[in-house]
PDB file of N, CA and C in Angstrom:
ATOM      1  N   MET A   1     -85.887 174.396  47.512  1.00  0.00           N
ATOM      2  CA  MET A   1     -86.298 173.978  46.037  1.00  0.00           C
ATOM      3  C   MET A   1     -85.651 172.956  45.282  1.00  0.00           C
ATOM      4  N   ALA A   2     -84.340 173.106  45.682  1.00  0.00           N
ATOM      5  CA  ALA A   2     -83.450 172.047  44.945  1.00  0.00           C
ATOM      6  C   ALA A   2     -83.667 170.648  45.346  1.00  0.00           C
ATOM      7  N   GLU A   3     -83.932 170.590  46.698  1.00  0.00           N
ATOM      8  CA  GLU A   3     -84.164 169.124  47.197  1.00  0.00           C
ATOM      9  C   GLU A   3     -85.623 168.692  46.633  1.00  0.00           C
ATOM     10  N   GLU A   4     -86.379 169.259  45.999  1.00  0.00           N
ATOM     11  CA  GLU A   4     -87.615 168.818  45.325  1.00  0.00           C
ATOM     12  C   GLU A   4     -87.292 168.319  44.235  1.00  0.00           C
ATOM     13  N   THR A   5     -86.347 168.990  43.641  1.00  0.00           N
ATOM     14  CA  THR A   5     -86.006 168.718  41.979  1.00  0.00           C
ATOM     15  C   THR A   5     -85.204 167.205  42.245  1.00  0.00           C
ATOM     16  N   ASP A   6     -84.356 167.186  43.106  1.00  0.00           N
ATOM     17  CA  ASP A   6     -83.642 165.596  43.485  1.00  0.00           C
ATOM     18  C   ASP A   6     -84.620 164.619  44.011  1.00  0.00           C
ATOM     19  N   ASP A   7     -85.796 165.107  44.428  1.00  0.00           N
ATOM     20  CA  ASP A   7     -86.762 163.931  44.650  1.00  0.00           C
ATOM     21  C   ASP A   7     -87.604 163.518  43.573  1.00  0.00           C
ATOM     22  N   ARG A   8     -87.863 164.480  42.674  1.00  0.00           N
ATOM     23  CA  ARG A   8     -88.551 164.300  41.484  1.00  0.00           C
ATOM     24  C   ARG A   8     -87.712 163.265  40.432  1.00  0.00           C
ATOM     25  N   ALA A   9     -86.464 163.540  40.426  1.00  0.00           N
ATOM     26  CA  ALA A   9     -85.395 162.736  39.742  1.00  0.00           C
ATOM     27  C   ALA A   9     -85.366 161.486  40.227  1.00  0.00           C
ATOM     28  N   ARG A  10     -85.568 161.240  41.951  1.00  0.00           N
ATOM     29  CA  ARG A  10     -85.073 159.893  41.988  1.00  0.00           C
ATOM     30  C   ARG A  10     -86.552 159.278  41.935  1.00  0.00           C
ATOM     31  N   ASP A  11     -87.521 159.900  42.196  1.00  0.00           N
ATOM     32  CA  ASP A  11     -89.157 159.391  41.978  1.00  0.00           C
ATOM     33  C   ASP A  11     -89.135 158.451  40.354  1.00  0.00           C
ATOM     34  N   ASP A  12     -88.622 159.264  39.624  1.00  0.00           N
ATOM     35  CA  ASP A  12     -88.514 158.670  37.974  1.00  0.00           C
ATOM     36  C   ASP A  12     -87.721 157.385  38.186  1.00  0.00           C
ATOM     37  N   GLY A  13     -86.668 157.231  38.802  1.00  0.00           N
ATOM     38  CA  GLY A  13     -85.413 156.038  38.642  1.00  0.00           C
ATOM     39  C   GLY A  13     -86.280 155.094  39.727  1.00  0.00           C
ATOM     40  N   GLU A  14     -87.209 155.557  40.927  1.00  0.00           N
ATOM     41  CA  GLU A  14     -87.854 154.446  41.500  1.00  0.00           C
ATOM     42  C   GLU A  14     -89.104 153.305  40.944  1.00  0.00           C
ATOM     43  N   GLU A  15     -89.715 154.247  40.019  1.00  0.00           N
ATOM     44  CA  GLU A  15     -90.675 153.193  39.209  1.00  0.00           C
ATOM     45  C   GLU A  15     -90.011 152.071  38.709  1.00  0.00           C
ATOM     46  N   SER A  16     -88.789 151.903  38.373  1.00  0.00           N
ATOM     47  CA  SER A  16     -88.120 150.904  37.622  1.00  0.00           C
ATOM     48  C   SER A  16     -87.425 150.005  38.902  1.00  0.00           C
ATOM     49  N   THR A  17     -87.015 150.249  40.126  1.00  0.00           N
ATOM     50  CA  THR A  17     -86.105 150.127  40.851  1.00  0.00           C
ATOM     51  C   THR A  17     -86.942 149.281  42.056  1.00  0.00           C
ATOM     52  N   GLY A  18     -88.205 149.554  42.371  1.00  0.00           N
ATOM     53  CA  GLY A  18     -88.735 148.847  43.468  1.00  0.00           C
ATOM     54  C   GLY A  18     -89.321 149.571  44.867  1.00  0.00           C
ATOM     55  N   PRO A  19     -90.066 148.741  45.424  1.00  0.00           N
ATOM     56  CA  PRO A  19     -91.229 149.418  46.571  1.00  0.00           C
ATOM     57  C   PRO A  19     -89.922 149.911  47.684  1.00  0.00           C
ATOM     58  N   LEU A  20     -88.767 148.966  47.727  1.00  0.00           N
ATOM     59  CA  LEU A  20     -87.673 149.463  49.062  1.00  0.00           C
ATOM     60  C   LEU A  20     -87.276 151.035  48.507  1.00  0.00           C
ATOM     61  N   GLU A  21     -86.816 151.235  47.612  1.00  0.00           N
ATOM     62  CA  GLU A  21     -86.428 152.397  47.219  1.00  0.00           C
ATOM     63  C   GLU A  21     -87.406 153.621  47.017  1.00  0.00           C
ATOM     64  N   ARG A  22     -88.851 153.298  46.942  1.00  0.00           N
ATOM     65  CA  ARG A  22     -89.721 154.064  47.228  1.00  0.00           C
ATOM     66  C   ARG A  22     -90.059 154.210  48.668  1.00  0.00           C
ATOM     67  N   ALA A  23     -89.578 153.570  49.514  1.00  0.00           N
ATOM     68  CA  ALA A  23     -89.899 153.485  50.934  1.00  0.00           C
ATOM     69  C   ALA A  23     -89.113 154.515  51.489  1.00  0.00           C
ATOM     70  N   LYS A  24     -87.460 154.202  50.918  1.00  0.00           N
ATOM     71  CA  LYS A  24     -86.388 154.775  51.179  1.00  0.00           C
ATOM     72  C   LYS A  24     -86.880 156.707  50.923  1.00  0.00           C
ATOM     73  N   SER A  25     -87.415 156.772  49.896  1.00  0.00           N
ATOM     74  CA  SER A  25     -87.783 158.233  49.121  1.00  0.00           C
ATOM     75  C   SER A  25     -88.787 158.819  50.001  1.00  0.00           C
ATOM     76  N   ALA A  26     -89.771 158.061  50.423  1.00  0.00           N
ATOM     77  CA  ALA A  26     -90.835 158.639  51.395  1.00  0.00           C
ATOM     78  C   ALA A  26     -90.289 158.799  52.730  1.00  0.00           C
ATOM     79  N   VAL A  27     -89.350 158.245  53.070  1.00  0.00           N
ATOM     80  CA  VAL A  27     -88.769 158.281  54.383  1.00  0.00           C
ATOM     81  C   VAL A  27     -87.823 159.788  54.590  1.00  0.00           C
ATOM     82  N   THR A  28     -87.514 159.810  53.386  1.00  0.00           N
ATOM     83  CA  THR A  28     -86.153 160.875  53.166  1.00  0.00           C
ATOM     84  C   THR A  28     -87.008 162.185  53.189  1.00  0.00           C
ATOM     85  N   GLU A  29     -88.806 162.271  51.924  1.00  0.00           N
ATOM     86  CA  GLU A  29     -89.073 163.270  51.887  1.00  0.00           C
ATOM     87  C   GLU A  29     -89.748 163.702  53.291  1.00  0.00           C
ATOM     88  N   ALA A  30     -89.960 162.771  54.292  1.00  0.00           N
ATOM     89  CA  ALA A  30     -90.732 162.863  55.411  1.00  0.00           C
ATOM     90  C   ALA A  30     -89.711 163.500  56.626  1.00  0.00           C
ATOM     91  N   VAL A  31     -88.733 163.279  56.389  1.00  0.00           N
ATOM     92  CA  VAL A  31     -87.467 163.676  57.165  1.00  0.00           C
ATOM     93  C   VAL A  31     -87.472 165.183  56.928  1.00  0.00           C
ATOM     94  N   GLY A  32     -87.251 165.370  55.707  1.00  0.00           N
ATOM     95  CA  GLY A  32     -87.266 166.664  54.911  1.00  0.00           C
ATOM     96  C   GLY A  32     -88.465 167.628  55.435  1.00  0.00           C
ATOM     97  N   VAL A  33     -89.529 167.330  55.387  1.00  0.00           N
ATOM     98  CA  VAL A  33     -90.651 167.848  55.980  1.00  0.00           C
ATOM     99  C   VAL A  33     -90.740 168.449  57.323  1.00  0.00           C
ATOM    100  N   VAL A  34     -90.000 167.167  58.183  1.00  0.00           N
ATOM    101  CA  VAL A  34     -90.100 167.724  59.723  1.00  0.00           C
ATOM    102  C   VAL A  34     -89.148 168.630  59.911  1.00  0.00           C
ATOM    103  N   VAL A  35     -88.056 168.483  59.142  1.00  0.00           N
ATOM    104  CA  VAL A  35     -86.757 169.422  59.441  1.00  0.00           C
ATOM    105  C   VAL A  35     -86.984 170.866  59.076  1.00  0.00           C
ATOM    106  N   ASP A  36     -88.044 170.891  57.851  1.00  0.00           N
ATOM    107  CA  ASP A  36     -88.201 172.142  57.550  1.00  0.00           C
ATOM    108  C   ASP A  36     -89.422 172.638  58.573  1.00  0.00           C
ATOM    109  N   ALA A  37     -90.238 171.848  59.043  1.00  0.00           N
ATOM    110  CA  ALA A  37     -91.239 172.471  60.314  1.00  0.00           C
ATOM    111  C   ALA A  37     -90.467 172.725  61.311  1.00  0.00           C
ATOM    112  N   ALA A  38     -89.448 171.800  61.517  1.00  0.00           N
ATOM    113  CA  ALA A  38     -88.509 172.503  62.974  1.00  0.00           C
ATOM    114  C   ALA A  38     -87.777 173.699  63.017  1.00  0.00           C
ATOM    115  N   LEU A  39     -87.419 174.109  61.868  1.00  0.00           N
ATOM    116  CA  LEU A  39     -86.891 175.219  61.149  1.00  0.00           C
ATOM    117  C   LEU A  39     -87.606 176.473  61.142  1.00  0.00           C
ATOM    118  N   ASP A  40     -88.982 176.343  60.839  1.00  0.00           N
ATOM    119  CA  ASP A  40     -89.720 177.512  60.620  1.00  0.00           C
ATOM    120  C   ASP A  40     -90.271 177.646  62.511  1.00  0.00           C
ATOM    121  N   ALA A  41     -90.384 176.567  62.990  1.00  0.00           N
ATOM    122  CA  ALA A  41     -90.848 176.768  64.399  1.00  0.00           C
ATOM    123  C   ALA A  41     -90.043 177.592  65.229  1.00  0.00           C
ATOM    124  N   ILE A  42     -88.597 177.468  65.119  1.00  0.00           N
ATOM    125  CA  ILE A  42     -87.541 178.224  65.542  1.00  0.00           C
ATOM    126  C   ILE A  42     -87.409 179.802  65.375  1.00  0.00           C
TER     127      ILE A  42
END
C-alpha cells in the first residue's frame, strides 16, 4: 500500500515534468504489478 501512495505522489509531479517521467512511472507500476502477481503465484 505504501507503494501506491508513492506512485500517486509521483503522478502529481509528473504532469509538470513531461511524458518521459510518465513513461518511467508506467513502467515502474507495471513492474510492480508483475512482481505482485509472481509473488501471489508462489
